[in-house]
Amino acid sequence: MNKRLLSLAFGAAVAGVVAVSTSASATGAAGAVLTVGSPTGPAVAAGDSLAASLASGTTAKIATTAGGSSGITCNTSSFAATANTNPASPGTATETVTAHTLANCTTNIIGATGVQSITVNNLPYKASVTSGGSLTVSAGTAGPIQTTLKINTILGAITCVYQAGNLTATPANGDNSLTFKDQLFSKTSGPATCPGSGYFSAKYAPVTDVSQGNGLVFVN
């Protein structure tokens, strides 16, 4: 059942998320944590818009158990972020995750017949990416990382709300990607028919700097 699902908080963040392989400041040319075009290219500048969609041939998944096969699979997902600071490498760049969407989703959760809607709550989120390759997405001032799902079941429609603590992802310069694996979201409200947990996994590539001609973003 193709539905729009989980615009992340299930990532969010991710988001969601997004922002991870690219954050930025206005600092300098080469040598920044985030650069455009190559590891020695110009720095991602403060205020630059960063974006990515799912890597070709991949899907975003929200499993009911870590590494499990039961859950939701989405064929479309993307994120957007704005660079804030981008110091010289080694260091930590920061950004703001402004959007994260998932769509064209199917579910094989027992008893579920489809998804009415998915709302990512409390955006924007904060993100930081460090030299050496790690990205962290955390809650912003609006509240925790959260997603609200309205799911159709054989017993009628249900609303399930999930929250997460910090989310982590791994950037890779080989394909300018950002990978989330089994990021835990826990149910905070909803009937017993809502799964108790969701584990978000997705690979976004390439991450690009929209403000600099959609140049590829590197983490240094």
N, C-alpha and C. Protein backbone atom coordinates (compact mmCIF):
# COMPACT_ATOMS: atom_id res chain seq x y z
N MET A 1 0.83 -1.18 0.00
CA MET A 1 0.00 0.00 0.00
C MET A 1 0.87 1.22 0.00
N ASN A 2 0.91 1.86 -1.16
CA ASN A 2 1.73 3.04 -1.29
C ASN A 2 1.09 4.19 -0.55
N LYS A 3 1.81 4.79 0.32
CA LYS A 3 1.30 5.91 1.09
C LYS A 3 2.46 6.83 1.35
N ARG A 4 2.11 8.04 1.80
CA ARG A 4 3.18 8.90 2.20
C ARG A 4 3.51 8.56 3.61
N LEU A 5 4.66 8.34 3.97
CA LEU A 5 4.95 7.96 5.31
C LEU A 5 6.16 8.64 5.80
N LEU A 6 6.19 8.72 6.99
CA LEU A 6 7.30 9.16 7.69
C LEU A 6 8.24 10.10 7.09
N SER A 7 7.90 11.29 7.25
CA SER A 7 8.72 12.37 6.86
C SER A 7 9.57 12.57 8.04
N LEU A 8 10.54 12.21 8.20
CA LEU A 8 11.23 12.02 9.41
C LEU A 8 11.17 12.93 10.53
N ALA A 9 10.80 12.68 11.39
CA ALA A 9 11.36 12.55 12.65
C ALA A 9 11.83 11.18 12.62
N PHE A 10 11.24 10.30 11.89
CA PHE A 10 11.75 8.97 11.82
C PHE A 10 13.00 9.13 11.06
N GLY A 11 13.52 9.90 11.32
CA GLY A 11 14.52 10.26 10.83
C GLY A 11 14.72 11.27 10.50
N ALA A 12 13.59 11.66 10.40
CA ALA A 12 13.86 12.34 10.56
C ALA A 12 14.18 13.13 10.35
N ALA A 13 15.02 13.80 11.13
CA ALA A 13 15.19 14.28 11.43
C ALA A 13 15.45 14.50 10.66
N VAL A 14 15.71 13.61 9.93
CA VAL A 14 16.27 13.50 9.93
C VAL A 14 16.09 13.89 9.25
N ALA A 15 14.89 13.85 9.38
CA ALA A 15 15.38 14.17 9.14
C ALA A 15 15.96 14.05 8.73
N GLY A 16 16.42 14.38 8.24
CA GLY A 16 16.51 14.41 8.57
C GLY A 16 16.92 14.41 8.55
N VAL A 17 17.24 14.85 8.18
CA VAL A 17 17.73 14.76 8.45
C VAL A 17 18.39 15.18 7.63
N VAL A 18 19.60 14.85 7.07
CA VAL A 18 20.05 15.61 6.03
C VAL A 18 21.20 16.32 6.43
N ALA A 19 21.08 16.93 6.91
CA ALA A 19 22.05 17.81 7.36
C ALA A 19 23.20 17.09 7.83
N VAL A 20 23.49 16.14 7.62
CA VAL A 20 24.50 15.53 8.34
C VAL A 20 25.75 15.52 7.62
N SER A 21 25.70 15.36 6.40
CA SER A 21 26.93 15.29 5.72
C SER A 21 27.31 16.64 5.28
N THR A 22 26.65 17.64 5.82
CA THR A 22 26.96 18.93 5.35
C THR A 22 26.41 20.02 6.19
N SER A 23 27.26 20.83 6.67
CA SER A 23 26.87 21.86 7.53
C SER A 23 27.83 22.95 7.26
N ALA A 24 27.62 24.18 7.78
CA ALA A 24 28.59 25.04 7.31
C ALA A 24 28.67 26.42 7.78
N SER A 25 29.79 26.98 7.47
CA SER A 25 30.04 28.32 7.85
C SER A 25 30.63 29.07 6.71
N ALA A 26 30.93 30.26 6.96
CA ALA A 26 31.42 31.07 5.88
C ALA A 26 32.90 31.12 5.85
N THR A 27 33.48 30.36 6.56
CA THR A 27 34.91 30.45 6.69
C THR A 27 35.64 29.94 5.48
N GLY A 28 36.59 30.51 5.12
CA GLY A 28 37.64 30.20 4.23
C GLY A 28 37.45 29.35 3.02
N ALA A 29 38.51 28.99 2.39
CA ALA A 29 38.45 28.25 1.16
C ALA A 29 38.65 26.79 1.45
N ALA A 30 39.89 26.32 1.29
CA ALA A 30 40.14 24.91 1.55
C ALA A 30 40.39 24.73 3.03
N GLY A 31 40.34 23.47 3.47
CA GLY A 31 40.66 23.18 4.86
C GLY A 31 39.49 23.21 5.80
N ALA A 32 38.29 23.48 5.32
CA ALA A 32 37.12 23.51 6.19
C ALA A 32 36.60 22.09 6.42
N VAL A 33 35.80 21.93 7.46
CA VAL A 33 35.20 20.62 7.73
C VAL A 33 34.33 20.19 6.55
N LEU A 34 33.56 21.11 6.00
CA LEU A 34 32.69 20.82 4.86
C LEU A 34 33.15 21.61 3.65
N THR A 35 33.43 20.91 2.57
CA THR A 35 33.87 21.58 1.35
C THR A 35 33.00 21.13 0.17
N VAL A 36 33.10 21.89 -0.92
CA VAL A 36 32.26 21.63 -2.09
C VAL A 36 33.12 21.22 -3.28
N GLY A 37 32.75 20.13 -3.93
CA GLY A 37 33.43 19.70 -5.15
C GLY A 37 34.56 18.73 -4.94
N SER A 38 35.30 18.88 -3.85
CA SER A 38 36.42 18.01 -3.52
C SER A 38 36.83 18.28 -2.09
N PRO A 39 37.67 17.41 -1.50
CA PRO A 39 38.13 17.66 -0.13
C PRO A 39 38.91 18.96 0.01
N THR A 40 39.47 19.46 -1.07
CA THR A 40 40.21 20.72 -1.01
C THR A 40 39.46 21.86 -1.70
N GLY A 41 38.18 21.66 -1.95
CA GLY A 41 37.38 22.67 -2.62
C GLY A 41 36.99 23.81 -1.70
N PRO A 42 36.20 24.74 -2.20
CA PRO A 42 35.75 25.87 -1.38
C PRO A 42 34.88 25.41 -0.22
N ALA A 43 34.90 26.18 0.84
CA ALA A 43 34.11 25.82 2.02
C ALA A 43 32.62 26.01 1.77
N VAL A 44 31.82 25.14 2.37
CA VAL A 44 30.39 25.38 2.46
C VAL A 44 30.23 26.66 3.28
N ALA A 45 29.43 27.59 2.82
CA ALA A 45 29.31 28.88 3.49
C ALA A 45 28.10 28.92 4.41
N ALA A 46 28.20 29.72 5.45
CA ALA A 46 27.06 29.91 6.35
C ALA A 46 25.87 30.40 5.54
N GLY A 47 24.73 29.77 5.76
CA GLY A 47 23.53 30.14 5.02
C GLY A 47 23.28 29.30 3.79
N ASP A 48 24.27 28.50 3.37
CA ASP A 48 24.07 27.64 2.20
C ASP A 48 22.97 26.61 2.48
N SER A 49 22.24 26.29 1.42
CA SER A 49 21.20 25.26 1.51
C SER A 49 21.79 23.92 1.08
N LEU A 50 21.60 22.89 1.92
CA LEU A 50 22.11 21.56 1.64
C LEU A 50 20.93 20.61 1.46
N ALA A 51 21.11 19.62 0.61
CA ALA A 51 19.99 18.72 0.34
C ALA A 51 20.47 17.37 -0.16
N ALA A 52 19.62 16.36 0.00
CA ALA A 52 19.90 15.03 -0.55
C ALA A 52 18.62 14.22 -0.59
N SER A 53 18.60 13.27 -1.53
CA SER A 53 17.52 12.28 -1.62
C SER A 53 18.13 10.90 -1.41
N LEU A 54 17.29 9.88 -1.39
CA LEU A 54 17.80 8.53 -1.20
C LEU A 54 18.82 8.17 -2.28
N ALA A 55 19.85 7.44 -1.88
CA ALA A 55 20.82 6.93 -2.85
C ALA A 55 20.09 6.07 -3.87
N SER A 56 20.55 6.12 -5.11
CA SER A 56 19.91 5.39 -6.19
C SER A 56 19.79 3.90 -5.85
N GLY A 57 18.61 3.37 -6.06
CA GLY A 57 18.39 1.95 -5.84
C GLY A 57 18.16 1.54 -4.40
N THR A 58 18.04 2.52 -3.49
CA THR A 58 17.84 2.20 -2.08
C THR A 58 16.47 2.67 -1.61
N THR A 59 16.09 2.22 -0.43
CA THR A 59 14.84 2.64 0.19
C THR A 59 15.11 3.07 1.63
N ALA A 60 14.18 3.82 2.20
CA ALA A 60 14.23 4.14 3.63
C ALA A 60 13.34 3.13 4.35
N LYS A 61 13.80 2.67 5.50
CA LYS A 61 13.04 1.65 6.22
C LYS A 61 12.83 2.04 7.67
N ILE A 62 11.66 1.74 8.17
CA ILE A 62 11.36 1.87 9.59
C ILE A 62 10.91 0.50 10.05
N ALA A 63 11.78 -0.21 10.72
CA ALA A 63 11.49 -1.57 11.14
C ALA A 63 10.97 -1.58 12.57
N THR A 64 10.19 -2.58 12.90
CA THR A 64 9.67 -2.68 14.26
C THR A 64 10.70 -3.25 15.23
N THR A 65 11.75 -3.89 14.69
CA THR A 65 12.88 -4.35 15.50
C THR A 65 14.16 -4.00 14.77
N ALA A 66 15.26 -3.86 15.47
CA ALA A 66 16.53 -3.51 14.85
C ALA A 66 16.91 -4.58 13.82
N GLY A 67 17.12 -4.15 12.58
CA GLY A 67 17.49 -5.08 11.53
C GLY A 67 16.36 -5.97 11.06
N GLY A 68 15.14 -5.74 11.55
CA GLY A 68 14.02 -6.61 11.21
C GLY A 68 13.42 -6.31 9.85
N SER A 69 12.54 -7.21 9.39
CA SER A 69 11.91 -7.07 8.08
C SER A 69 10.49 -6.54 8.16
N SER A 70 9.90 -6.53 9.35
CA SER A 70 8.54 -6.03 9.52
C SER A 70 8.58 -4.53 9.78
N GLY A 71 7.73 -3.79 9.07
CA GLY A 71 7.70 -2.35 9.29
C GLY A 71 7.23 -1.61 8.06
N ILE A 72 7.90 -0.50 7.76
CA ILE A 72 7.51 0.37 6.65
C ILE A 72 8.71 0.56 5.73
N THR A 73 8.47 0.49 4.43
CA THR A 73 9.51 0.75 3.43
C THR A 73 9.06 1.89 2.55
N CYS A 74 9.92 2.89 2.38
CA CYS A 74 9.59 4.08 1.59
C CYS A 74 10.54 4.20 0.40
N ASN A 75 9.97 4.40 -0.78
CA ASN A 75 10.77 4.50 -1.99
C ASN A 75 11.25 5.91 -2.27
N THR A 76 10.70 6.88 -1.57
CA THR A 76 11.08 8.28 -1.79
C THR A 76 11.35 8.93 -0.45
N SER A 77 12.47 9.63 -0.34
CA SER A 77 12.78 10.37 0.89
C SER A 77 13.83 11.42 0.58
N SER A 78 13.75 12.53 1.25
CA SER A 78 14.74 13.60 1.06
C SER A 78 14.84 14.44 2.31
N PHE A 79 15.93 15.22 2.39
CA PHE A 79 16.07 16.13 3.51
C PHE A 79 16.67 17.45 3.04
N ALA A 80 16.50 18.46 3.84
CA ALA A 80 17.08 19.77 3.54
C ALA A 80 17.63 20.36 4.83
N ALA A 81 18.70 21.13 4.70
CA ALA A 81 19.33 21.74 5.86
C ALA A 81 19.98 23.05 5.46
N THR A 82 20.25 23.87 6.46
CA THR A 82 20.95 25.13 6.25
C THR A 82 22.24 25.12 7.05
N ALA A 83 23.35 25.47 6.41
CA ALA A 83 24.64 25.49 7.08
C ALA A 83 24.72 26.68 8.03
N ASN A 84 25.28 26.44 9.19
CA ASN A 84 25.44 27.51 10.18
C ASN A 84 26.90 27.89 10.38
N THR A 85 27.70 26.96 10.87
CA THR A 85 29.13 27.22 11.08
C THR A 85 29.94 26.12 10.42
N ASN A 86 31.15 26.46 9.95
CA ASN A 86 31.98 25.50 9.23
C ASN A 86 33.45 25.84 9.45
N PRO A 87 34.00 25.46 10.60
CA PRO A 87 35.37 25.84 10.94
C PRO A 87 36.40 25.04 10.14
N ALA A 88 37.66 25.39 10.36
CA ALA A 88 38.75 24.64 9.75
C ALA A 88 38.77 23.22 10.30
N SER A 89 39.20 22.30 9.45
CA SER A 89 39.32 20.90 9.87
C SER A 89 40.67 20.67 10.55
N PRO A 90 40.73 19.87 11.61
CA PRO A 90 39.63 19.14 12.22
C PRO A 90 38.76 20.04 13.08
N GLY A 91 37.48 19.72 13.12
CA GLY A 91 36.55 20.53 13.88
C GLY A 91 35.15 19.98 13.74
N THR A 92 34.18 20.79 14.15
CA THR A 92 32.77 20.40 14.09
C THR A 92 31.96 21.49 13.42
N ALA A 93 31.29 21.15 12.34
CA ALA A 93 30.42 22.08 11.64
C ALA A 93 28.99 21.89 12.15
N THR A 94 28.20 22.95 12.07
CA THR A 94 26.82 22.87 12.55
C THR A 94 25.85 23.30 11.46
N GLU A 95 24.63 22.78 11.59
CA GLU A 95 23.60 23.14 10.62
C GLU A 95 22.23 22.99 11.24
N THR A 96 21.24 23.44 10.51
CA THR A 96 19.84 23.34 10.94
C THR A 96 19.09 22.48 9.94
N VAL A 97 18.47 21.42 10.43
CA VAL A 97 17.66 20.55 9.56
C VAL A 97 16.27 21.18 9.44
N THR A 98 15.90 21.55 8.23
CA THR A 98 14.65 22.28 8.02
C THR A 98 13.53 21.42 7.47
N ALA A 99 13.87 20.29 6.86
CA ALA A 99 12.83 19.43 6.28
C ALA A 99 13.33 18.01 6.16
N HIS A 100 12.42 17.06 6.26
CA HIS A 100 12.73 15.65 6.04
C HIS A 100 11.42 14.97 5.68
N THR A 101 11.39 14.36 4.52
CA THR A 101 10.14 13.75 4.04
C THR A 101 10.37 12.31 3.60
N LEU A 102 9.34 11.50 3.74
CA LEU A 102 9.31 10.14 3.22
C LEU A 102 7.96 9.92 2.55
N ALA A 103 7.97 9.26 1.41
CA ALA A 103 6.72 9.05 0.67
C ALA A 103 6.81 7.76 -0.14
N ASN A 104 5.71 7.43 -0.83
CA ASN A 104 5.65 6.21 -1.63
C ASN A 104 6.04 5.01 -0.78
N CYS A 105 5.33 4.86 0.32
CA CYS A 105 5.67 3.85 1.32
C CYS A 105 4.70 2.67 1.30
N THR A 106 5.20 1.52 1.68
CA THR A 106 4.38 0.34 1.87
C THR A 106 4.63 -0.20 3.27
N THR A 107 3.68 -0.97 3.79
CA THR A 107 3.86 -1.55 5.12
C THR A 107 3.45 -3.01 5.12
N ASN A 108 4.18 -3.79 5.91
CA ASN A 108 3.81 -5.19 6.10
C ASN A 108 3.56 -5.48 7.59
N ILE A 109 3.29 -4.41 8.35
CA ILE A 109 2.98 -4.59 9.77
C ILE A 109 1.65 -5.33 9.89
N ILE A 110 1.62 -6.34 10.70
CA ILE A 110 0.41 -7.15 10.86
C ILE A 110 -0.76 -6.28 11.33
N GLY A 111 -1.87 -6.36 10.63
CA GLY A 111 -3.05 -5.60 11.00
C GLY A 111 -3.15 -4.24 10.34
N ALA A 112 -2.05 -3.74 9.75
CA ALA A 112 -2.08 -2.43 9.10
C ALA A 112 -2.50 -2.59 7.65
N THR A 113 -3.32 -1.66 7.18
CA THR A 113 -3.79 -1.70 5.80
C THR A 113 -3.31 -0.50 4.99
N GLY A 114 -2.68 0.45 5.62
CA GLY A 114 -2.19 1.62 4.92
C GLY A 114 -1.87 2.75 5.87
N VAL A 115 -1.40 3.85 5.28
CA VAL A 115 -1.04 5.02 6.09
C VAL A 115 -1.80 6.23 5.59
N GLN A 116 -2.52 6.88 6.49
CA GLN A 116 -3.27 8.09 6.12
C GLN A 116 -2.35 9.28 5.95
N SER A 117 -1.47 9.49 6.91
CA SER A 117 -0.59 10.66 6.85
C SER A 117 0.56 10.48 7.82
N ILE A 118 1.57 11.32 7.60
CA ILE A 118 2.73 11.32 8.49
C ILE A 118 3.15 12.77 8.67
N THR A 119 3.36 13.16 9.91
CA THR A 119 3.74 14.54 10.21
C THR A 119 5.02 14.54 11.04
N VAL A 120 6.00 15.26 10.56
CA VAL A 120 7.23 15.42 11.33
C VAL A 120 7.06 16.66 12.19
N ASN A 121 7.15 16.47 13.47
CA ASN A 121 6.88 17.55 14.41
C ASN A 121 8.17 18.23 14.88
N ASN A 122 8.00 19.44 15.36
CA ASN A 122 9.04 20.16 16.10
C ASN A 122 10.28 20.53 15.30
N LEU A 123 10.16 20.58 13.98
CA LEU A 123 11.26 21.13 13.18
C LEU A 123 11.37 22.62 13.45
N PRO A 124 12.55 23.21 13.29
CA PRO A 124 13.79 22.58 12.80
C PRO A 124 14.55 21.86 13.90
N TYR A 125 15.45 20.95 13.46
CA TYR A 125 16.34 20.25 14.38
C TYR A 125 17.75 20.79 14.21
N LYS A 126 18.59 20.48 15.17
CA LYS A 126 20.00 20.87 15.10
C LYS A 126 20.82 19.68 14.61
N ALA A 127 21.93 19.97 13.93
CA ALA A 127 22.81 18.90 13.48
C ALA A 127 24.25 19.36 13.58
N SER A 128 25.14 18.42 13.85
CA SER A 128 26.57 18.72 13.88
C SER A 128 27.31 17.59 13.18
N VAL A 129 28.35 17.94 12.43
CA VAL A 129 29.15 16.94 11.73
C VAL A 129 30.61 17.19 12.06
N THR A 130 31.31 16.13 12.45
CA THR A 130 32.69 16.27 12.91
C THR A 130 33.67 15.67 11.92
N SER A 131 34.86 16.21 11.92
CA SER A 131 35.94 15.63 11.13
C SER A 131 36.14 14.19 11.60
N GLY A 132 36.38 13.29 10.68
CA GLY A 132 36.52 11.90 11.06
C GLY A 132 35.25 11.13 10.79
N GLY A 133 34.18 11.84 10.52
CA GLY A 133 33.01 11.18 9.99
C GLY A 133 31.91 10.76 10.93
N SER A 134 31.32 11.68 11.66
CA SER A 134 30.10 11.34 12.39
C SER A 134 29.16 12.53 12.37
N LEU A 135 27.88 12.23 12.31
CA LEU A 135 26.88 13.29 12.29
C LEU A 135 25.89 13.03 13.42
N THR A 136 25.49 14.08 14.10
CA THR A 136 24.51 13.96 15.18
C THR A 136 23.37 14.92 14.94
N VAL A 137 22.15 14.42 14.98
CA VAL A 137 20.95 15.25 14.88
C VAL A 137 20.32 15.30 16.26
N SER A 138 20.00 16.50 16.73
CA SER A 138 19.41 16.66 18.06
C SER A 138 18.21 17.59 17.98
N ALA A 139 17.43 17.59 19.05
CA ALA A 139 16.20 18.39 19.08
C ALA A 139 16.51 19.87 19.01
N GLY A 140 15.60 20.63 18.43
CA GLY A 140 15.70 22.08 18.43
C GLY A 140 14.88 22.67 19.56
N THR A 141 14.63 23.96 19.48
CA THR A 141 13.92 24.64 20.57
C THR A 141 12.43 24.32 20.59
N ALA A 142 11.90 23.79 19.49
CA ALA A 142 10.45 23.53 19.42
C ALA A 142 10.03 22.29 20.19
N GLY A 143 10.99 21.42 20.51
CA GLY A 143 10.64 20.20 21.23
C GLY A 143 11.43 19.03 20.72
N PRO A 144 11.16 17.83 21.22
CA PRO A 144 11.94 16.64 20.86
C PRO A 144 11.74 16.24 19.40
N ILE A 145 12.67 15.44 18.90
CA ILE A 145 12.51 14.83 17.59
C ILE A 145 11.27 13.94 17.65
N GLN A 146 10.32 14.20 16.80
CA GLN A 146 9.03 13.50 16.93
C GLN A 146 8.35 13.33 15.58
N THR A 147 7.65 12.22 15.43
CA THR A 147 6.86 11.96 14.23
C THR A 147 5.49 11.43 14.64
N THR A 148 4.46 11.92 13.96
CA THR A 148 3.10 11.46 14.21
C THR A 148 2.60 10.71 12.97
N LEU A 149 2.16 9.47 13.17
CA LEU A 149 1.66 8.65 12.08
C LEU A 149 0.17 8.38 12.26
N LYS A 150 -0.57 8.50 11.18
CA LYS A 150 -1.97 8.08 11.17
C LYS A 150 -2.06 6.89 10.23
N ILE A 151 -2.35 5.73 10.82
CA ILE A 151 -2.28 4.47 10.09
C ILE A 151 -3.66 3.82 10.03
N ASN A 152 -4.01 3.31 8.88
CA ASN A 152 -5.25 2.54 8.74
C ASN A 152 -4.99 1.09 9.14
N THR A 153 -5.89 0.53 9.94
CA THR A 153 -5.78 -0.87 10.34
C THR A 153 -7.10 -1.57 10.09
N ILE A 154 -7.11 -2.87 10.28
CA ILE A 154 -8.35 -3.61 10.08
C ILE A 154 -9.42 -3.23 11.10
N LEU A 155 -9.00 -2.53 12.17
CA LEU A 155 -9.95 -2.09 13.20
C LEU A 155 -10.27 -0.61 13.10
N GLY A 156 -9.71 0.06 12.08
CA GLY A 156 -9.93 1.49 11.93
C GLY A 156 -8.63 2.26 11.99
N ALA A 157 -8.73 3.58 11.89
CA ALA A 157 -7.54 4.43 11.87
C ALA A 157 -6.99 4.62 13.28
N ILE A 158 -5.67 4.64 13.39
CA ILE A 158 -5.01 4.89 14.67
C ILE A 158 -3.96 5.98 14.48
N THR A 159 -3.66 6.68 15.57
CA THR A 159 -2.62 7.70 15.57
C THR A 159 -1.50 7.25 16.49
N CYS A 160 -0.30 7.21 15.97
CA CYS A 160 0.88 6.75 16.72
C CYS A 160 1.91 7.87 16.74
N VAL A 161 2.40 8.21 17.93
CA VAL A 161 3.40 9.27 18.07
C VAL A 161 4.70 8.65 18.57
N TYR A 162 5.81 9.00 17.92
CA TYR A 162 7.12 8.45 18.26
C TYR A 162 8.12 9.58 18.49
N GLN A 163 9.02 9.37 19.43
CA GLN A 163 10.07 10.34 19.70
C GLN A 163 11.43 9.65 19.73
N ALA A 164 12.47 10.44 19.50
CA ALA A 164 13.83 9.92 19.52
C ALA A 164 14.73 10.88 20.27
N GLY A 165 15.80 10.36 20.81
CA GLY A 165 16.85 11.20 21.36
C GLY A 165 17.72 11.66 20.20
N ASN A 166 19.01 11.79 20.42
CA ASN A 166 19.90 12.14 19.32
C ASN A 166 19.95 11.02 18.28
N LEU A 167 20.03 11.41 17.01
CA LEU A 167 20.20 10.46 15.92
C LEU A 167 21.62 10.58 15.40
N THR A 168 22.21 9.47 14.99
CA THR A 168 23.56 9.52 14.45
C THR A 168 23.59 8.94 13.05
N ALA A 169 24.49 9.47 12.23
CA ALA A 169 24.65 8.99 10.86
C ALA A 169 26.13 9.04 10.50
N THR A 170 26.48 8.30 9.47
CA THR A 170 27.87 8.23 9.02
C THR A 170 28.00 8.80 7.62
N PRO A 171 28.80 9.87 7.45
CA PRO A 171 29.04 10.40 6.11
C PRO A 171 30.19 9.65 5.44
N ALA A 172 30.16 9.57 4.11
CA ALA A 172 31.24 8.92 3.35
C ALA A 172 31.53 9.75 2.11
N ASN A 173 32.80 10.08 1.91
CA ASN A 173 33.17 10.91 0.77
C ASN A 173 33.21 10.14 -0.55
N GLY A 174 33.28 8.80 -0.49
CA GLY A 174 33.35 8.02 -1.72
C GLY A 174 32.14 8.24 -2.62
N ASP A 175 30.98 8.39 -2.01
CA ASP A 175 29.76 8.65 -2.79
C ASP A 175 28.98 9.83 -2.23
N ASN A 176 29.66 10.62 -1.38
CA ASN A 176 29.04 11.82 -0.79
C ASN A 176 27.71 11.48 -0.11
N SER A 177 27.75 10.41 0.66
CA SER A 177 26.52 9.90 1.26
C SER A 177 26.45 10.16 2.76
N LEU A 178 25.25 9.95 3.27
CA LEU A 178 24.97 10.03 4.70
C LEU A 178 24.08 8.83 5.03
N THR A 179 24.53 7.98 5.96
CA THR A 179 23.81 6.74 6.24
C THR A 179 23.34 6.67 7.69
N PHE A 180 22.04 6.49 7.86
CA PHE A 180 21.44 6.22 9.17
C PHE A 180 21.16 4.72 9.26
N LYS A 181 21.46 4.11 10.39
CA LYS A 181 21.20 2.68 10.54
C LYS A 181 20.57 2.40 11.89
N ASP A 182 19.38 1.81 11.87
CA ASP A 182 18.69 1.37 13.08
C ASP A 182 18.62 2.45 14.16
N GLN A 183 18.20 3.64 13.78
CA GLN A 183 18.04 4.73 14.74
C GLN A 183 16.70 4.58 15.45
N LEU A 184 16.75 4.51 16.77
CA LEU A 184 15.57 4.14 17.56
C LEU A 184 14.60 5.29 17.79
N PHE A 185 13.32 5.03 17.50
CA PHE A 185 12.21 5.90 17.88
C PHE A 185 11.29 5.09 18.78
N SER A 186 10.88 5.67 19.90
CA SER A 186 10.02 4.97 20.85
C SER A 186 8.63 5.58 20.87
N LYS A 187 7.62 4.74 20.97
CA LYS A 187 6.23 5.23 21.00
C LYS A 187 5.98 5.99 22.30
N THR A 188 5.41 7.18 22.16
CA THR A 188 5.06 7.97 23.34
C THR A 188 3.56 8.07 23.54
N SER A 189 2.79 7.81 22.49
CA SER A 189 1.33 7.74 22.64
C SER A 189 0.74 6.97 21.48
N GLY A 190 -0.42 6.39 21.74
CA GLY A 190 -1.11 5.59 20.73
C GLY A 190 -1.57 4.28 21.33
N PRO A 191 -2.53 3.63 20.68
CA PRO A 191 -3.06 2.37 21.19
C PRO A 191 -2.05 1.23 21.08
N ALA A 192 -2.42 0.11 21.65
CA ALA A 192 -1.53 -1.06 21.65
C ALA A 192 -1.24 -1.56 20.24
N THR A 193 -2.08 -1.21 19.29
CA THR A 193 -1.86 -1.65 17.91
C THR A 193 -0.72 -0.89 17.23
N CYS A 194 -0.27 0.22 17.81
CA CYS A 194 0.92 0.91 17.31
C CYS A 194 2.15 0.13 17.75
N PRO A 195 3.09 -0.15 16.85
CA PRO A 195 4.33 -0.80 17.28
C PRO A 195 5.01 0.01 18.37
N GLY A 196 5.63 -0.67 19.31
CA GLY A 196 6.25 0.02 20.43
C GLY A 196 7.49 0.80 20.06
N SER A 197 8.16 0.39 18.98
CA SER A 197 9.39 1.05 18.56
C SER A 197 9.47 1.09 17.04
N GLY A 198 10.30 2.00 16.55
CA GLY A 198 10.61 2.05 15.13
C GLY A 198 12.09 2.28 14.97
N TYR A 199 12.73 1.54 14.06
CA TYR A 199 14.17 1.66 13.83
C TYR A 199 14.38 2.17 12.41
N PHE A 200 14.90 3.40 12.31
CA PHE A 200 15.00 4.08 11.02
C PHE A 200 16.36 3.83 10.37
N SER A 201 16.33 3.42 9.11
CA SER A 201 17.56 3.22 8.34
C SER A 201 17.36 3.82 6.95
N ALA A 202 18.37 4.56 6.48
CA ALA A 202 18.31 5.14 5.13
C ALA A 202 19.69 5.62 4.73
N LYS A 203 19.93 5.61 3.42
CA LYS A 203 21.18 6.16 2.88
C LYS A 203 20.83 7.26 1.90
N TYR A 204 21.34 8.46 2.17
CA TYR A 204 21.09 9.62 1.31
C TYR A 204 22.36 9.94 0.52
N ALA A 205 22.22 10.08 -0.80
CA ALA A 205 23.38 10.40 -1.62
C ALA A 205 22.93 10.82 -3.02
N PRO A 206 23.66 11.78 -3.61
CA PRO A 206 24.72 12.55 -2.96
C PRO A 206 24.16 13.73 -2.18
N VAL A 207 24.88 14.12 -1.14
CA VAL A 207 24.56 15.35 -0.43
C VAL A 207 25.17 16.50 -1.23
N THR A 208 24.37 17.51 -1.53
CA THR A 208 24.85 18.61 -2.37
C THR A 208 24.62 19.96 -1.70
N ASP A 209 25.40 20.94 -2.15
CA ASP A 209 25.24 22.32 -1.72
C ASP A 209 24.45 23.04 -2.81
N VAL A 210 23.16 23.20 -2.58
CA VAL A 210 22.28 23.81 -3.57
C VAL A 210 22.71 25.24 -3.88
N SER A 211 23.24 25.93 -2.88
CA SER A 211 23.64 27.33 -3.05
C SER A 211 24.91 27.48 -3.88
N GLN A 212 25.66 26.39 -4.04
CA GLN A 212 26.88 26.44 -4.84
C GLN A 212 26.77 25.48 -6.02
N GLY A 213 25.69 25.66 -6.79
CA GLY A 213 25.52 24.91 -8.02
C GLY A 213 25.32 23.43 -7.85
N ASN A 214 24.74 23.02 -6.72
CA ASN A 214 24.53 21.60 -6.44
C ASN A 214 25.83 20.82 -6.41
N GLY A 215 26.89 21.49 -5.97
CA GLY A 215 28.18 20.81 -5.85
C GLY A 215 28.14 19.75 -4.76
N LEU A 216 28.91 18.69 -4.96
CA LEU A 216 28.98 17.61 -3.99
C LEU A 216 29.64 18.09 -2.70
N VAL A 217 29.11 17.63 -1.56
CA VAL A 217 29.64 18.04 -0.26
C VAL A 217 30.56 16.95 0.29
N PHE A 218 31.76 17.38 0.74
CA PHE A 218 32.74 16.48 1.34
C PHE A 218 32.92 16.84 2.81
N VAL A 219 33.17 15.80 3.63
CA VAL A 219 33.44 15.99 5.06
C VAL A 219 34.91 15.69 5.30
N ASN A 220 35.63 16.65 5.91
CA ASN A 220 37.08 16.52 6.07
C ASN A 220 37.50 16.54 7.54
